[in-house]
């Protein structure tokens, strides 16, 4: 038996609606993927900067002419250097200091 024109039109409408939903879902997934990739690049850059600052402080602490022999002075200097480099540690520091986040 042959499929009627009405049935074909209804099937085409359903397929068109499904394709439009899928296109929207794909577009949203692509936007989310790009946003995630941008966040990962930002985080990788911040981590690299933090590692550079920490490494330079470790080297400086081992140098005899460094005035950072006091642990509190070293910690404050490191915290300030990370802040100046754009590394935000407020959440991590608050968590370690016992804040309920």
C-alpha atoms as a PDB file:
ATOM      1  CA  UNK A   1       0.000   0.000   0.000  1.00  0.00           C
ATOM      2  CA  UNK A   2       1.147   3.422  -0.898  1.00  0.00           C
ATOM      3  CA  UNK A   3       1.830   6.078   1.771  1.00  0.00           C
ATOM      4  CA  UNK A   4      -0.573   8.989   1.542  1.00  0.00           C
ATOM      5  CA  UNK A   5       0.530  12.519   0.931  1.00  0.00           C
ATOM      6  CA  UNK A   6      -0.818  13.587   4.338  1.00  0.00           C
ATOM      7  CA  UNK A   7       1.246  10.940   6.094  1.00  0.00           C
ATOM      8  CA  UNK A   8       4.365  11.990   4.189  1.00  0.00           C
ATOM      9  CA  UNK A   9       3.788  15.648   5.059  1.00  0.00           C
ATOM     10  CA  UNK A  10       3.260  14.784   8.735  1.00  0.00           C
ATOM     11  CA  UNK A  11       6.414  12.664   8.758  1.00  0.00           C
ATOM     12  CA  UNK A  12       8.369  15.464   7.097  1.00  0.00           C
ATOM     13  CA  UNK A  13       7.101  17.967   9.670  1.00  0.00           C
ATOM     14  CA  UNK A  14       8.142  15.671  12.525  1.00  0.00           C
ATOM     15  CA  UNK A  15      11.571  15.148  10.968  1.00  0.00           C
ATOM     16  CA  UNK A  16      12.001  18.878  10.406  1.00  0.00           C
ATOM     17  CA  UNK A  17      11.064  19.654  14.013  1.00  0.00           C
ATOM     18  CA  UNK A  18      13.436  16.961  15.293  1.00  0.00           C
ATOM     19  CA  UNK A  19      16.260  18.279  13.101  1.00  0.00           C
ATOM     20  CA  UNK A  20      15.689  21.809  14.379  1.00  0.00           C
ATOM     21  CA  UNK A  21      15.847  20.563  17.995  1.00  0.00           C
ATOM     22  CA  UNK A  22      19.024  18.647  17.232  1.00  0.00           C
ATOM     23  CA  UNK A  23      20.570  21.671  15.514  1.00  0.00           C
ATOM     24  CA  UNK A  24      19.799  23.761  18.589  1.00  0.00           C
ATOM     25  CA  UNK A  25      21.305  21.126  20.876  1.00  0.00           C
ATOM     26  CA  UNK A  26      24.426  20.909  18.720  1.00  0.00           C
ATOM     27  CA  UNK A  27      24.814  24.704  18.700  1.00  0.00           C
ATOM     28  CA  UNK A  28      24.492  24.794  22.488  1.00  0.00           C
ATOM     29  CA  UNK A  29      27.006  21.966  22.876  1.00  0.00           C
ATOM     30  CA  UNK A  30      29.500  23.811  20.660  1.00  0.00           C
ATOM     31  CA  UNK A  31      29.046  27.018  22.707  1.00  0.00           C
ATOM     32  CA  UNK A  32      29.546  25.070  25.938  1.00  0.00           C
ATOM     33  CA  UNK A  33      32.642  23.350  24.540  1.00  0.00           C
ATOM     34  CA  UNK A  34      34.179  26.686  23.545  1.00  0.00           C
ATOM     35  CA  UNK A  35      33.422  28.182  26.945  1.00  0.00           C
ATOM     36  CA  UNK A  36      34.977  25.168  28.663  1.00  0.00           C
ATOM     37  CA  UNK A  37      38.062  25.352  26.448  1.00  0.00           C
ATOM     38  CA  UNK A  38      38.465  29.055  27.250  1.00  0.00           C
ATOM     39  CA  UNK A  39      38.148  28.350  30.978  1.00  0.00           C
ATOM     40  CA  UNK A  40      40.744  25.581  30.745  1.00  0.00           C
ATOM     41  CA  UNK A  41      43.154  27.900  28.929  1.00  0.00           C
ATOM     42  CA  UNK A  42      42.659  30.559  31.604  1.00  0.00           C
ATOM     43  CA  UNK A  43      43.191  28.029  34.389  1.00  0.00           C
ATOM     44  CA  UNK A  44      46.301  26.607  32.705  1.00  0.00           C
ATOM     45  CA  UNK A  45      47.740  30.111  32.387  1.00  0.00           C
ATOM     46  CA  UNK A  46      46.983  30.896  36.021  1.00  0.00           C
ATOM     47  CA  UNK A  47      48.530  27.599  37.162  1.00  0.00           C
ATOM     48  CA  UNK A  48      51.668  28.249  35.117  1.00  0.00           C
ATOM     49  CA  UNK A  49      51.987  31.738  36.597  1.00  0.00           C
ATOM     50  CA  UNK A  50      51.487  30.373  40.117  1.00  0.00           C
ATOM     51  CA  UNK A  51      54.156  27.734  39.550  1.00  0.00           C
ATOM     52  CA  UNK A  52      56.611  30.386  38.312  1.00  0.00           C
ATOM     53  CA  UNK A  53      55.979  32.623  41.334  1.00  0.00           C
ATOM     54  CA  UNK A  54      56.267  29.735  43.794  1.00  0.00           C
ATOM     55  CA  UNK A  55      59.474  28.476  42.166  1.00  0.00           C
ATOM     56  CA  UNK A  56      61.063  31.921  42.313  1.00  0.00           C
ATOM     57  CA  UNK A  57      60.151  32.222  45.994  1.00  0.00           C
ATOM     58  CA  UNK A  58      61.624  28.807  46.775  1.00  0.00           C
ATOM     59  CA  UNK A  59      64.864  29.776  45.046  1.00  0.00           C
ATOM     60  CA  UNK A  60      64.906  33.143  46.812  1.00  0.00           C
ATOM     61  CA  UNK A  61      64.310  31.515  50.205  1.00  0.00           C
ATOM     62  CA  UNK A  62      67.421  29.393  49.734  1.00  0.00           C
ATOM     63  CA  UNK A  63      69.601  32.370  48.939  1.00  0.00           C
ATOM     64  CA  UNK A  64      71.605  33.654  51.931  1.00  0.00           C
ATOM     65  CA  UNK A  65      70.852  37.310  51.269  1.00  0.00           C
ATOM     66  CA  UNK A  66      67.079  36.786  51.371  1.00  0.00           C
ATOM     67  CA  UNK A  67      65.295  38.461  54.268  1.00  0.00           C
ATOM     68  CA  UNK A  68      62.415  35.962  54.054  1.00  0.00           C
ATOM     69  CA  UNK A  69      63.781  33.562  56.664  1.00  0.00           C
ATOM     70  CA  UNK A  70      60.755  34.204  58.858  1.00  0.00           C
ATOM     71  CA  UNK A  71      57.916  31.855  57.726  1.00  0.00           C
ATOM     72  CA  UNK A  72      55.268  34.552  58.185  1.00  0.00           C
ATOM     73  CA  UNK A  73      57.238  37.012  56.065  1.00  0.00           C
ATOM     74  CA  UNK A  74      57.768  34.330  53.426  1.00  0.00           C
ATOM     75  CA  UNK A  75      54.066  33.435  53.395  1.00  0.00           C
ATOM     76  CA  UNK A  76      52.988  37.069  53.115  1.00  0.00           C
ATOM     77  CA  UNK A  77      55.549  37.749  50.382  1.00  0.00           C
ATOM     78  CA  UNK A  78      54.370  34.700  48.442  1.00  0.00           C
ATOM     79  CA  UNK A  79      50.719  35.648  48.900  1.00  0.00           C
ATOM     80  CA  UNK A  80      51.409  39.199  47.681  1.00  0.00           C
ATOM     81  CA  UNK A  81      53.458  37.996  44.703  1.00  0.00           C
ATOM     82  CA  UNK A  82      50.670  35.621  43.652  1.00  0.00           C
ATOM     83  CA  UNK A  83      48.081  38.367  44.033  1.00  0.00           C
ATOM     84  CA  UNK A  84      50.247  40.739  41.955  1.00  0.00           C
ATOM     85  CA  UNK A  85      50.543  38.045  39.275  1.00  0.00           C
ATOM     86  CA  UNK A  86      46.744  37.741  39.118  1.00  0.00           C
ATOM     87  CA  UNK A  87      46.468  34.397  40.898  1.00  0.00           C
ATOM     88  CA  UNK A  88      43.437  34.471  43.184  1.00  0.00           C
ATOM     89  CA  UNK A  89      43.825  32.120  46.140  1.00  0.00           C
ATOM     90  CA  UNK A  90      41.084  33.540  48.363  1.00  0.00           C
ATOM     91  CA  UNK A  91      38.815  30.498  48.123  1.00  0.00           C
ATOM     92  CA  UNK A  92      41.634  28.021  48.702  1.00  0.00           C
ATOM     93  CA  UNK A  93      43.063  30.014  51.614  1.00  0.00           C
ATOM     94  CA  UNK A  94      39.632  30.446  53.205  1.00  0.00           C
ATOM     95  CA  UNK A  95      38.991  26.713  52.911  1.00  0.00           C
ATOM     96  CA  UNK A  96      42.352  25.861  54.488  1.00  0.00           C
ATOM     97  CA  UNK A  97      41.744  28.360  57.281  1.00  0.00           C
ATOM     98  CA  UNK A  98      38.501  26.585  58.162  1.00  0.00           C
ATOM     99  CA  UNK A  99      35.818  28.601  56.367  1.00  0.00           C
ATOM    100  CA  UNK A 100      32.729  26.585  55.500  1.00  0.00           C
ATOM    101  CA  UNK A 101      32.459  27.034  51.737  1.00  0.00           C
END
